[in-house]
Amino acid sequence: MIPAHLPVFELRIPMKKKGFLQKTALVSGVISEVISIICLIILVIKSQELGIEHIISASFLASTFFFFTCGLVLIFIGYADVPSLSFEEPEKNIE
């Protein structure tokens, strides 16, 4: 909590709208999470059939980890508030 006697300075950085690539990252992240759940289900089925030490079970375990972590990163990118770092054009005085 900030004491009342201290001045508070607020820096306002204009945030830009979410761009096409940021929206695409969010959708791709959700799709990656769905694929990781599908890989996890297949992993459970295959590990009961073949055992957890079989190469196919290991492949599905690696795929589940890969899609889950990539999905998390893509979702974080999609929800990030990116500031607008563009320079504004100076107004030209035409005389």
N, C-alpha and C. Protein backbone atom coordinates (compact mmCIF):
# COMPACT_ATOMS: atom_id res chain seq x y z
N MET A 1 0.85 -1.18 0.00
CA MET A 1 0.00 0.00 0.00
C MET A 1 0.89 1.24 0.00
N ILE A 2 0.55 2.24 -0.79
CA ILE A 2 1.33 3.47 -0.91
C ILE A 2 0.82 4.47 0.11
N PRO A 3 1.73 5.04 0.92
CA PRO A 3 1.29 6.06 1.88
C PRO A 3 0.70 7.28 1.16
N ALA A 4 -0.23 7.94 1.81
CA ALA A 4 -0.96 9.05 1.19
C ALA A 4 -0.08 10.28 0.98
N HIS A 5 0.98 10.45 1.73
CA HIS A 5 1.80 11.65 1.62
C HIS A 5 2.81 11.58 0.47
N LEU A 6 3.00 10.38 -0.16
CA LEU A 6 3.93 10.25 -1.27
C LEU A 6 3.21 10.50 -2.60
N PRO A 7 3.84 11.28 -3.48
CA PRO A 7 3.21 11.49 -4.78
C PRO A 7 3.27 10.21 -5.61
N VAL A 8 2.25 9.99 -6.39
CA VAL A 8 2.18 8.81 -7.23
C VAL A 8 2.28 9.26 -8.67
N PHE A 9 3.26 8.75 -9.37
CA PHE A 9 3.42 9.06 -10.78
C PHE A 9 2.97 7.87 -11.59
N GLU A 10 2.21 8.15 -12.59
CA GLU A 10 1.66 7.07 -13.39
C GLU A 10 2.17 7.23 -14.82
N LEU A 11 2.73 6.18 -15.34
CA LEU A 11 3.23 6.18 -16.70
C LEU A 11 2.23 5.42 -17.56
N ARG A 12 1.68 6.11 -18.51
CA ARG A 12 0.70 5.46 -19.39
C ARG A 12 1.36 5.14 -20.72
N ILE A 13 1.45 3.88 -21.01
CA ILE A 13 1.98 3.42 -22.28
C ILE A 13 0.80 2.94 -23.11
N PRO A 14 0.62 3.51 -24.29
CA PRO A 14 -0.53 3.08 -25.10
C PRO A 14 -0.37 1.64 -25.55
N MET A 15 -1.40 0.86 -25.32
CA MET A 15 -1.37 -0.54 -25.75
C MET A 15 -2.06 -0.65 -27.10
N LYS A 16 -1.50 -1.48 -27.94
CA LYS A 16 -2.12 -1.65 -29.24
C LYS A 16 -3.08 -2.82 -29.20
N LYS A 17 -3.96 -2.86 -30.19
CA LYS A 17 -4.91 -3.97 -30.27
C LYS A 17 -4.17 -5.24 -30.63
N LYS A 18 -4.80 -6.36 -30.31
CA LYS A 18 -4.20 -7.63 -30.63
C LYS A 18 -4.18 -7.80 -32.15
N GLY A 19 -3.00 -8.09 -32.68
CA GLY A 19 -2.84 -8.24 -34.11
C GLY A 19 -3.23 -9.63 -34.58
N PHE A 20 -3.11 -9.82 -35.89
CA PHE A 20 -3.46 -11.09 -36.51
C PHE A 20 -2.59 -12.22 -35.98
N LEU A 21 -1.29 -11.97 -35.86
CA LEU A 21 -0.38 -13.03 -35.41
C LEU A 21 -0.61 -13.39 -33.95
N GLN A 22 -0.99 -12.41 -33.14
CA GLN A 22 -1.26 -12.70 -31.73
C GLN A 22 -2.54 -13.51 -31.59
N LYS A 23 -3.54 -13.21 -32.39
CA LYS A 23 -4.77 -14.01 -32.37
C LYS A 23 -4.51 -15.41 -32.89
N THR A 24 -3.66 -15.51 -33.91
CA THR A 24 -3.30 -16.82 -34.45
C THR A 24 -2.55 -17.64 -33.41
N ALA A 25 -1.67 -17.01 -32.65
CA ALA A 25 -0.93 -17.71 -31.59
C ALA A 25 -1.88 -18.25 -30.53
N LEU A 26 -2.90 -17.47 -30.19
CA LEU A 26 -3.87 -17.92 -29.18
C LEU A 26 -4.64 -19.13 -29.68
N VAL A 27 -5.11 -19.08 -30.92
CA VAL A 27 -5.86 -20.22 -31.49
C VAL A 27 -4.96 -21.44 -31.60
N SER A 28 -3.72 -21.24 -32.05
CA SER A 28 -2.78 -22.36 -32.16
C SER A 28 -2.46 -22.96 -30.79
N GLY A 29 -2.41 -22.12 -29.77
CA GLY A 29 -2.16 -22.61 -28.42
C GLY A 29 -3.28 -23.49 -27.91
N VAL A 30 -4.50 -23.08 -28.18
CA VAL A 30 -5.65 -23.89 -27.75
C VAL A 30 -5.67 -25.21 -28.51
N ILE A 31 -5.38 -25.16 -29.82
CA ILE A 31 -5.34 -26.39 -30.61
C ILE A 31 -4.24 -27.32 -30.09
N SER A 32 -3.09 -26.77 -29.72
CA SER A 32 -1.99 -27.58 -29.18
C SER A 32 -2.38 -28.25 -27.87
N GLU A 33 -3.13 -27.53 -27.03
CA GLU A 33 -3.58 -28.13 -25.77
C GLU A 33 -4.56 -29.28 -26.02
N VAL A 34 -5.43 -29.13 -27.01
CA VAL A 34 -6.37 -30.21 -27.35
C VAL A 34 -5.60 -31.42 -27.88
N ILE A 35 -4.60 -31.17 -28.72
CA ILE A 35 -3.79 -32.28 -29.25
C ILE A 35 -3.03 -32.97 -28.13
N SER A 36 -2.56 -32.21 -27.13
CA SER A 36 -1.85 -32.85 -26.01
C SER A 36 -2.78 -33.74 -25.20
N ILE A 37 -4.03 -33.34 -25.06
CA ILE A 37 -5.00 -34.19 -24.35
C ILE A 37 -5.27 -35.46 -25.15
N ILE A 38 -5.38 -35.34 -26.48
CA ILE A 38 -5.58 -36.52 -27.33
C ILE A 38 -4.38 -37.46 -27.22
N CYS A 39 -3.17 -36.91 -27.25
CA CYS A 39 -1.96 -37.73 -27.11
C CYS A 39 -1.91 -38.41 -25.74
N LEU A 40 -2.38 -37.72 -24.72
CA LEU A 40 -2.39 -38.32 -23.38
C LEU A 40 -3.37 -39.49 -23.31
N ILE A 41 -4.52 -39.35 -23.95
CA ILE A 41 -5.49 -40.46 -23.97
C ILE A 41 -4.92 -41.66 -24.72
N ILE A 42 -4.29 -41.38 -25.88
CA ILE A 42 -3.69 -42.48 -26.64
C ILE A 42 -2.54 -43.11 -25.86
N LEU A 43 -1.78 -42.28 -25.11
CA LEU A 43 -0.69 -42.81 -24.28
C LEU A 43 -1.21 -43.78 -23.23
N VAL A 44 -2.31 -43.44 -22.59
CA VAL A 44 -2.87 -44.34 -21.57
C VAL A 44 -3.31 -45.65 -22.21
N ILE A 45 -3.95 -45.57 -23.37
CA ILE A 45 -4.42 -46.79 -24.04
C ILE A 45 -3.24 -47.65 -24.48
N LYS A 46 -2.24 -47.03 -25.12
CA LYS A 46 -1.09 -47.80 -25.62
C LYS A 46 -0.22 -48.34 -24.49
N SER A 47 -0.12 -47.61 -23.40
CA SER A 47 0.70 -48.12 -22.29
C SER A 47 0.05 -49.32 -21.62
N GLN A 48 -1.27 -49.40 -21.67
CA GLN A 48 -1.94 -50.59 -21.13
C GLN A 48 -1.76 -51.78 -22.06
N GLU A 49 -1.73 -51.51 -23.38
CA GLU A 49 -1.55 -52.60 -24.34
C GLU A 49 -0.10 -53.07 -24.40
N LEU A 50 0.83 -52.12 -24.56
CA LEU A 50 2.22 -52.47 -24.85
C LEU A 50 3.16 -52.32 -23.66
N GLY A 51 2.76 -51.58 -22.66
CA GLY A 51 3.63 -51.28 -21.54
C GLY A 51 4.23 -49.89 -21.72
N ILE A 52 4.58 -49.27 -20.60
CA ILE A 52 5.08 -47.89 -20.64
C ILE A 52 6.49 -47.81 -21.22
N GLU A 53 7.23 -48.94 -21.24
CA GLU A 53 8.61 -48.92 -21.72
C GLU A 53 8.72 -49.13 -23.23
N HIS A 54 7.60 -49.33 -23.90
CA HIS A 54 7.63 -49.52 -25.35
C HIS A 54 7.91 -48.18 -26.04
N ILE A 55 8.51 -48.25 -27.23
CA ILE A 55 8.91 -47.04 -27.95
C ILE A 55 7.70 -46.19 -28.36
N ILE A 56 6.58 -46.81 -28.65
CA ILE A 56 5.38 -46.06 -29.04
C ILE A 56 4.84 -45.28 -27.84
N SER A 57 4.86 -45.89 -26.66
CA SER A 57 4.42 -45.18 -25.45
C SER A 57 5.33 -44.00 -25.16
N ALA A 58 6.63 -44.19 -25.35
CA ALA A 58 7.57 -43.09 -25.13
C ALA A 58 7.34 -41.96 -26.13
N SER A 59 7.01 -42.31 -27.36
CA SER A 59 6.74 -41.30 -28.38
C SER A 59 5.50 -40.47 -28.02
N PHE A 60 4.46 -41.15 -27.56
CA PHE A 60 3.26 -40.40 -27.17
C PHE A 60 3.49 -39.57 -25.91
N LEU A 61 4.35 -40.05 -25.02
CA LEU A 61 4.68 -39.26 -23.84
C LEU A 61 5.44 -37.99 -24.24
N ALA A 62 6.39 -38.12 -25.16
CA ALA A 62 7.13 -36.95 -25.65
C ALA A 62 6.21 -35.99 -26.40
N SER A 63 5.29 -36.53 -27.19
CA SER A 63 4.35 -35.68 -27.94
C SER A 63 3.42 -34.93 -27.00
N THR A 64 2.97 -35.60 -25.94
CA THR A 64 2.11 -34.93 -24.96
C THR A 64 2.84 -33.77 -24.31
N PHE A 65 4.08 -34.00 -23.90
CA PHE A 65 4.87 -32.94 -23.28
C PHE A 65 5.11 -31.78 -24.25
N PHE A 66 5.47 -32.10 -25.49
CA PHE A 66 5.75 -31.07 -26.49
C PHE A 66 4.53 -30.21 -26.76
N PHE A 67 3.39 -30.82 -27.05
CA PHE A 67 2.20 -30.04 -27.38
C PHE A 67 1.69 -29.25 -26.18
N PHE A 68 1.83 -29.81 -24.97
CA PHE A 68 1.38 -29.08 -23.78
C PHE A 68 2.21 -27.82 -23.55
N THR A 69 3.54 -27.97 -23.61
CA THR A 69 4.39 -26.81 -23.35
C THR A 69 4.31 -25.78 -24.47
N CYS A 70 4.25 -26.22 -25.72
CA CYS A 70 4.08 -25.27 -26.83
C CYS A 70 2.75 -24.54 -26.73
N GLY A 71 1.72 -25.26 -26.33
CA GLY A 71 0.41 -24.63 -26.15
C GLY A 71 0.43 -23.56 -25.09
N LEU A 72 1.11 -23.83 -23.97
CA LEU A 72 1.22 -22.82 -22.91
C LEU A 72 1.92 -21.56 -23.40
N VAL A 73 3.03 -21.74 -24.11
CA VAL A 73 3.78 -20.58 -24.60
C VAL A 73 2.94 -19.78 -25.59
N LEU A 74 2.27 -20.45 -26.50
CA LEU A 74 1.44 -19.76 -27.49
C LEU A 74 0.26 -19.04 -26.85
N ILE A 75 -0.32 -19.62 -25.82
CA ILE A 75 -1.43 -18.95 -25.12
C ILE A 75 -0.92 -17.72 -24.39
N PHE A 76 0.25 -17.81 -23.77
CA PHE A 76 0.84 -16.62 -23.12
C PHE A 76 1.12 -15.52 -24.13
N ILE A 77 1.61 -15.89 -25.30
CA ILE A 77 1.85 -14.89 -26.35
C ILE A 77 0.54 -14.27 -26.80
N GLY A 78 -0.49 -15.09 -26.92
CA GLY A 78 -1.79 -14.58 -27.37
C GLY A 78 -2.45 -13.64 -26.39
N TYR A 79 -2.22 -13.83 -25.09
CA TYR A 79 -2.84 -12.97 -24.08
C TYR A 79 -1.97 -11.79 -23.65
N ALA A 80 -0.75 -11.71 -24.15
CA ALA A 80 0.18 -10.66 -23.73
C ALA A 80 -0.32 -9.28 -24.17
N ASP A 81 -0.12 -8.28 -23.32
CA ASP A 81 -0.44 -6.90 -23.67
C ASP A 81 0.84 -6.25 -24.18
N VAL A 82 0.93 -6.14 -25.47
CA VAL A 82 2.13 -5.60 -26.10
C VAL A 82 1.95 -4.10 -26.26
N PRO A 83 2.90 -3.30 -25.76
CA PRO A 83 2.76 -1.85 -25.91
C PRO A 83 3.05 -1.43 -27.35
N SER A 84 2.49 -0.30 -27.72
CA SER A 84 2.74 0.26 -29.03
C SER A 84 4.07 0.99 -28.99
N LEU A 85 5.04 0.51 -29.74
CA LEU A 85 6.37 1.09 -29.72
C LEU A 85 6.66 1.91 -30.98
N SER A 86 5.62 2.25 -31.70
CA SER A 86 5.83 3.02 -32.93
C SER A 86 6.01 4.50 -32.61
N PHE A 87 6.79 5.15 -33.45
CA PHE A 87 7.00 6.58 -33.32
C PHE A 87 5.88 7.30 -34.06
N GLU A 88 5.37 8.33 -33.43
CA GLU A 88 4.31 9.10 -34.09
C GLU A 88 4.94 10.07 -35.08
N GLU A 89 4.28 10.23 -36.20
CA GLU A 89 4.76 11.17 -37.22
C GLU A 89 4.58 12.59 -36.73
N PRO A 90 5.62 13.42 -36.82
CA PRO A 90 5.43 14.83 -36.42
C PRO A 90 4.54 15.53 -37.44
N GLU A 91 3.75 16.43 -36.93
CA GLU A 91 2.86 17.18 -37.82
C GLU A 91 3.66 18.12 -38.66
N LYS A 92 3.39 18.14 -39.95
CA LYS A 92 4.12 19.01 -40.86
C LYS A 92 3.35 20.31 -41.06
N ASN A 93 4.02 21.40 -40.88
CA ASN A 93 3.41 22.72 -41.11
C ASN A 93 3.68 23.13 -42.54
N ILE A 94 2.65 23.16 -43.31
CA ILE A 94 2.79 23.57 -44.71
C ILE A 94 2.41 25.05 -44.81
N GLU A 95 3.35 25.84 -45.23
CA GLU A 95 3.10 27.27 -45.34
C GLU A 95 3.30 27.74 -46.75
